[in-house]
Amino acid sequence: MSSSHRLLPALALVGVVVTVVAIAGGGAVLVARGDLGRTPPPIEPVVAAQITPAAAQPAAPKGPEGNAPVGIADRVDPAWVARVAADSGIPARALAAYAGAVLEVAETRPGCHLGWNTLAAIGHVESGHGSIDGSRLLPDGRTEPRIRGVALDGRGVAAIRDTDGGALDGDAIWDRAVGPMQFIPSTWRSHGRDGDGDGVADIDDIDDAALSAAYYLCHSGRDLRVAAHWIAAVSSYNAGLAYNHRVVAAADHYRQFH
């Protein structure tokens, strides 16, 4: 889902020469020469059980699409967020969204076994957890300034004509990847969800974007404990072995924190 210039330096990836642009899962991605045909090493996901949830509260009914009726970030123990954020370097506001999204899909998609480290790895690679191009996450979860990718006009990236009249990405000619999890407008239209409970699926809000990414990774009945399913899920989000390797490296790094 990311535009090509959005891929941040990998935590542990060397020897990759990027040469080709491909398209999958709704965005422009990079393919690395020398890595073609090589499967990224699998990781053992960190599952939802290793997240400390907030103190139990009376259950509230789910929305018609299974969306959380209250903010997903509030589902996570603040002490856990503070400790893991300090240890991992992930901004606490982003970490609370990733962990809350995983707790949500652990209930609604229990067979998926999405780990918070996988979601955090994608957030790292896509936008540096909402910090790319001088942006920052505000306490309410929105990014300031808003994060917009390059025009997907075929010049060094895939060509994707406008699908939203510029409503989300500000470009009425070409699509652009948008927000902290870098969704393109057409993918957001079909997969965007409300993660903070305000009744609106906001592509620029880390809670909404993280929950949407979590459901997207878990669709098609995947069990992310299976290496092939994990790789397929990441590839469906953004194809290209270079991208997959970068997410592997980040997810493998984050899995030590819990």
Protein backbone atom coordinates (compact mmCIF):
# COMPACT_ATOMS: atom_id res chain seq x y z
CA MET A 1 0.00 0.00 0.00
CA SER A 2 2.95 2.29 0.31
CA SER A 3 4.42 4.52 -2.34
CA SER A 4 8.02 3.70 -3.15
CA HIS A 5 9.71 6.58 -1.31
CA ARG A 6 7.96 5.63 1.94
CA LEU A 7 10.14 2.59 2.67
CA LEU A 8 12.33 3.51 5.65
CA PRO A 9 15.78 1.98 6.36
CA ALA A 10 15.44 -1.61 7.48
CA LEU A 11 16.46 -2.60 10.99
CA ALA A 12 18.44 -5.55 9.73
CA LEU A 13 18.54 -5.88 5.94
CA VAL A 14 21.64 -5.69 3.79
CA GLY A 15 22.66 -6.51 0.25
CA VAL A 16 19.42 -5.53 -1.49
CA VAL A 17 19.52 -3.61 -4.79
CA VAL A 18 16.13 -2.15 -5.66
CA THR A 19 15.45 -2.15 -9.38
CA VAL A 20 11.83 -2.92 -10.28
CA VAL A 21 8.44 -1.45 -9.43
CA ALA A 22 5.46 -3.79 -8.95
CA ILE A 23 1.85 -3.48 -7.83
CA ALA A 24 -0.23 -5.54 -5.37
CA GLY A 25 -2.66 -4.97 -2.52
CA GLY A 26 -3.41 -1.49 -3.79
CA GLY A 27 -0.03 0.27 -3.82
CA ALA A 28 3.29 0.76 -5.56
CA VAL A 29 6.11 -1.33 -4.16
CA LEU A 30 9.74 -2.14 -4.77
CA VAL A 31 11.18 -5.43 -5.96
CA ALA A 32 14.82 -6.18 -5.26
CA ARG A 33 17.21 -7.67 -7.81
CA GLY A 34 19.11 -10.54 -6.26
CA ASP A 35 16.19 -11.39 -3.98
CA LEU A 36 13.82 -12.55 -6.70
CA GLY A 37 12.69 -16.09 -6.01
CA ARG A 38 14.12 -16.12 -2.48
CA THR A 39 11.65 -16.55 0.37
CA PRO A 40 12.17 -14.24 3.36
CA PRO A 41 12.94 -16.11 6.58
CA PRO A 42 9.83 -16.74 8.69
CA ILE A 43 9.44 -15.36 12.18
CA GLU A 44 7.48 -16.61 15.15
CA PRO A 45 4.75 -14.03 15.72
CA VAL A 46 4.20 -12.41 19.10
CA VAL A 47 0.58 -13.25 19.79
CA ALA A 48 -2.09 -11.20 21.53
CA ALA A 49 -1.72 -13.12 24.79
CA GLN A 50 1.57 -11.32 25.39
CA ILE A 51 -0.14 -7.94 25.45
CA THR A 52 -1.37 -6.86 28.87
CA PRO A 53 -4.95 -5.60 28.41
CA ALA A 54 -6.47 -2.83 30.44
CA ALA A 55 -8.50 -3.75 33.51
CA ALA A 56 -11.66 -5.63 32.58
CA GLN A 57 -14.66 -3.48 31.85
CA PRO A 58 -18.30 -4.47 31.20
CA ALA A 59 -18.66 -5.80 27.69
CA ALA A 60 -20.28 -3.49 25.16
CA PRO A 61 -22.03 -4.65 22.01
CA LYS A 62 -20.02 -4.63 18.79
CA GLY A 63 -20.95 -2.52 15.81
CA PRO A 64 -22.45 -4.16 12.70
CA GLU A 65 -18.97 -4.80 11.22
CA GLY A 66 -17.32 -5.90 14.44
CA ASN A 67 -15.70 -2.53 15.04
CA ALA A 68 -14.73 -1.61 18.57
CA PRO A 69 -17.43 0.55 20.23
CA VAL A 70 -14.74 2.32 22.26
CA GLY A 71 -11.20 3.28 21.35
CA ILE A 72 -8.90 0.32 20.79
CA ALA A 73 -6.01 2.16 22.46
CA ASP A 74 -7.98 2.15 25.71
CA ARG A 75 -8.06 -1.64 25.70
CA VAL A 76 -4.35 -1.90 26.50
CA ASP A 77 -2.76 -1.60 29.94
CA PRO A 78 -1.06 1.85 30.06
CA ALA A 79 1.82 0.43 32.12
CA TRP A 80 2.47 -2.21 29.43
CA VAL A 81 2.41 0.49 26.74
CA ALA A 82 4.81 2.72 28.66
CA ARG A 83 7.26 -0.10 29.35
CA VAL A 84 7.30 -1.57 25.86
CA ALA A 85 7.40 1.85 24.20
CA ALA A 86 10.43 2.81 26.28
CA ASP A 87 12.20 -0.47 25.50
CA SER A 88 11.36 -0.64 21.79
CA GLY A 89 11.47 3.01 20.78
CA ILE A 90 7.96 2.84 19.31
CA PRO A 91 5.94 5.97 20.18
CA ALA A 92 3.49 5.08 22.94
CA ARG A 93 0.53 6.47 21.00
CA ALA A 94 1.30 4.24 18.01
CA LEU A 95 2.04 1.20 20.17
CA ALA A 96 -1.30 1.51 21.97
CA ALA A 97 -3.05 1.50 18.59
CA TYR A 98 -1.15 -1.55 17.32
CA ALA A 99 -1.73 -3.53 20.51
CA GLY A 100 -5.37 -2.49 20.78
CA ALA A 101 -5.98 -3.52 17.17
CA VAL A 102 -4.46 -6.93 17.86
CA LEU A 103 -6.63 -7.42 20.94
CA GLU A 104 -9.68 -6.55 18.82
CA VAL A 105 -8.93 -9.04 16.02
CA ALA A 106 -7.95 -11.69 18.59
CA GLU A 107 -11.62 -11.65 19.61
CA THR A 108 -13.23 -11.32 16.19
CA ARG A 109 -10.68 -13.32 14.14
CA PRO A 110 -9.27 -15.75 16.74
CA GLY A 111 -7.79 -18.03 14.11
CA CYS A 112 -5.59 -15.28 12.68
CA HIS A 113 -3.07 -15.01 15.54
CA LEU A 114 -1.80 -11.60 14.45
CA GLY A 115 1.11 -10.40 16.58
CA TRP A 116 1.46 -6.76 17.57
CA ASN A 117 5.06 -6.90 16.35
CA THR A 118 3.89 -7.57 12.79
CA LEU A 119 1.53 -4.60 12.82
CA ALA A 120 4.24 -2.41 14.37
CA ALA A 121 6.73 -3.56 11.73
CA ILE A 122 4.40 -2.44 8.95
CA GLY A 123 3.86 0.88 10.72
CA HIS A 124 7.63 1.31 10.96
CA VAL A 125 8.27 0.56 7.30
CA GLU A 126 5.31 2.55 5.98
CA SER A 127 5.71 5.79 7.91
CA GLY A 128 8.10 5.45 10.83
CA HIS A 129 5.04 5.18 13.10
CA GLY A 130 3.61 8.41 11.74
CA SER A 131 6.86 10.38 11.81
CA ILE A 132 7.88 10.46 8.13
CA ASP A 133 8.48 13.81 6.39
CA GLY A 134 8.41 15.66 9.70
CA SER A 135 4.96 14.46 10.67
CA ARG A 136 4.05 13.48 14.23
CA LEU A 137 1.25 11.69 16.03
CA LEU A 138 -0.99 13.94 18.09
CA PRO A 139 -2.56 12.71 21.35
CA ASP A 140 -5.85 12.13 19.53
CA GLY A 141 -4.11 9.74 17.13
CA ARG A 142 -4.10 11.93 14.04
CA THR A 143 -0.94 12.90 12.20
CA GLU A 144 0.22 16.48 11.82
CA PRO A 145 0.96 17.34 9.10
CA ARG A 146 -1.07 14.77 7.19
CA ILE A 147 0.99 12.07 5.48
CA ARG A 148 0.63 11.83 1.71
CA GLY A 149 2.77 9.74 -0.63
CA VAL A 150 4.03 10.67 -4.07
CA ALA A 151 1.67 10.66 -7.01
CA LEU A 152 1.40 7.13 -8.38
CA ASP A 153 1.87 8.38 -11.92
CA GLY A 154 4.05 5.63 -13.37
CA ARG A 155 7.30 7.59 -13.08
CA GLY A 156 9.38 5.25 -10.92
CA VAL A 157 6.22 3.97 -9.25
CA ALA A 158 3.13 2.11 -10.41
CA ALA A 159 0.53 4.10 -12.32
CA ILE A 160 -2.80 4.27 -10.47
CA ARG A 161 -5.34 6.72 -11.80
CA ASP A 162 -7.43 8.67 -9.28
CA THR A 163 -10.13 6.61 -7.56
CA ASP A 164 -11.51 9.09 -5.02
CA GLY A 165 -11.73 12.44 -6.79
CA GLY A 166 -8.90 13.63 -4.56
CA ALA A 167 -11.09 13.43 -1.46
CA LEU A 168 -8.55 11.50 0.63
CA ASP A 169 -5.22 12.16 -1.04
CA GLY A 170 -5.75 15.65 -2.43
CA ASP A 171 -4.95 14.52 -5.98
CA ALA A 172 -7.76 14.28 -8.53
CA ILE A 173 -5.49 12.87 -11.26
CA TRP A 174 -3.43 10.14 -9.58
CA ASP A 175 -3.85 8.15 -6.39
CA ARG A 176 -1.42 8.57 -3.50
CA ALA A 177 -0.82 6.46 -0.39
CA VAL A 178 -2.35 8.15 2.65
CA GLY A 179 -1.95 8.20 6.42
CA PRO A 180 0.30 6.45 8.96
CA MET A 181 -0.39 2.98 7.52
CA GLN A 182 -0.24 4.24 3.90
CA PHE A 183 -3.50 3.00 2.44
CA ILE A 184 -4.44 4.03 -1.08
CA PRO A 185 -7.97 5.40 -1.39
CA SER A 186 -9.52 2.38 -3.13
CA THR A 187 -8.21 -0.03 -0.49
CA TRP A 188 -9.39 2.24 2.31
CA ARG A 189 -12.85 2.42 0.76
CA SER A 190 -13.23 -1.35 1.06
CA HIS A 191 -11.27 -2.00 4.27
CA GLY A 192 -11.33 1.20 6.37
CA ARG A 193 -12.65 0.77 9.93
CA ASP A 194 -13.35 2.90 12.97
CA GLY A 195 -10.78 2.11 15.67
CA ASP A 196 -11.32 4.96 18.12
CA GLY A 197 -15.09 4.62 18.47
CA ASP A 198 -16.01 8.05 17.11
CA GLY A 199 -18.17 6.59 14.34
CA VAL A 200 -15.83 7.64 11.51
CA ALA A 201 -13.18 5.61 9.69
CA ASP A 202 -10.39 8.21 9.36
CA ILE A 203 -7.42 7.25 7.19
CA ASP A 204 -5.22 9.80 9.01
CA ASP A 205 -5.97 8.39 12.49
CA ILE A 206 -3.55 5.76 13.84
CA ASP A 207 -6.31 3.87 15.68
CA ASP A 208 -8.48 3.59 12.57
CA ALA A 209 -5.54 2.84 10.30
CA ALA A 210 -4.04 0.21 12.62
CA LEU A 211 -7.36 -1.60 13.08
CA SER A 212 -7.98 -1.51 9.33
CA ALA A 213 -4.52 -2.92 8.65
CA ALA A 214 -5.07 -5.65 11.24
CA TYR A 215 -8.32 -6.79 9.63
CA TYR A 216 -6.73 -6.57 6.19
CA LEU A 217 -3.86 -8.85 7.25
CA CYS A 218 -6.31 -11.32 8.77
CA HIS A 219 -8.71 -11.60 5.85
CA SER A 220 -9.00 -14.78 3.78
CA GLY A 221 -8.86 -16.96 6.88
CA ARG A 222 -5.09 -16.85 7.31
CA ASP A 223 -3.36 -18.28 10.39
CA LEU A 224 -0.31 -16.07 10.80
CA ARG A 225 1.45 -18.67 12.95
CA VAL A 226 2.07 -20.45 9.64
CA ALA A 227 5.10 -18.93 7.92
CA ALA A 228 3.58 -19.16 4.44
CA HIS A 229 0.40 -17.43 5.64
CA TRP A 230 2.41 -14.68 7.35
CA ILE A 231 4.41 -14.03 4.20
CA ALA A 232 1.23 -14.05 2.10
CA ALA A 233 -0.44 -11.56 4.46
CA VAL A 234 2.46 -9.11 4.31
CA SER A 235 2.70 -9.55 0.54
CA SER A 236 -1.01 -8.83 0.17
CA TYR A 237 -0.47 -5.58 2.06
CA ASN A 238 2.43 -4.65 -0.19
CA ALA A 239 4.08 -7.02 -2.63
CA GLY A 240 7.80 -7.21 -3.38
CA LEU A 241 10.48 -9.18 -1.63
CA ALA A 242 12.40 -6.09 -0.57
CA TYR A 243 9.34 -4.86 1.32
CA ASN A 244 8.72 -8.31 2.81
CA HIS A 245 12.31 -8.51 4.03
CA ARG A 246 12.07 -5.12 5.70
CA VAL A 247 8.91 -6.06 7.55
CA VAL A 248 10.52 -9.37 8.60
CA ALA A 249 13.53 -7.51 9.98
CA ALA A 250 11.43 -5.03 11.94
CA ALA A 251 8.96 -7.65 13.22
CA ASP A 252 11.80 -9.90 14.32
CA HIS A 253 13.37 -6.97 16.19
CA TYR A 254 10.13 -5.98 17.93
CA ARG A 255 9.26 -9.52 18.99
CA GLN A 256 11.75 -9.33 21.88
CA PHE A 257 9.67 -6.65 23.64
CA HIS A 258 6.68 -7.77 25.70
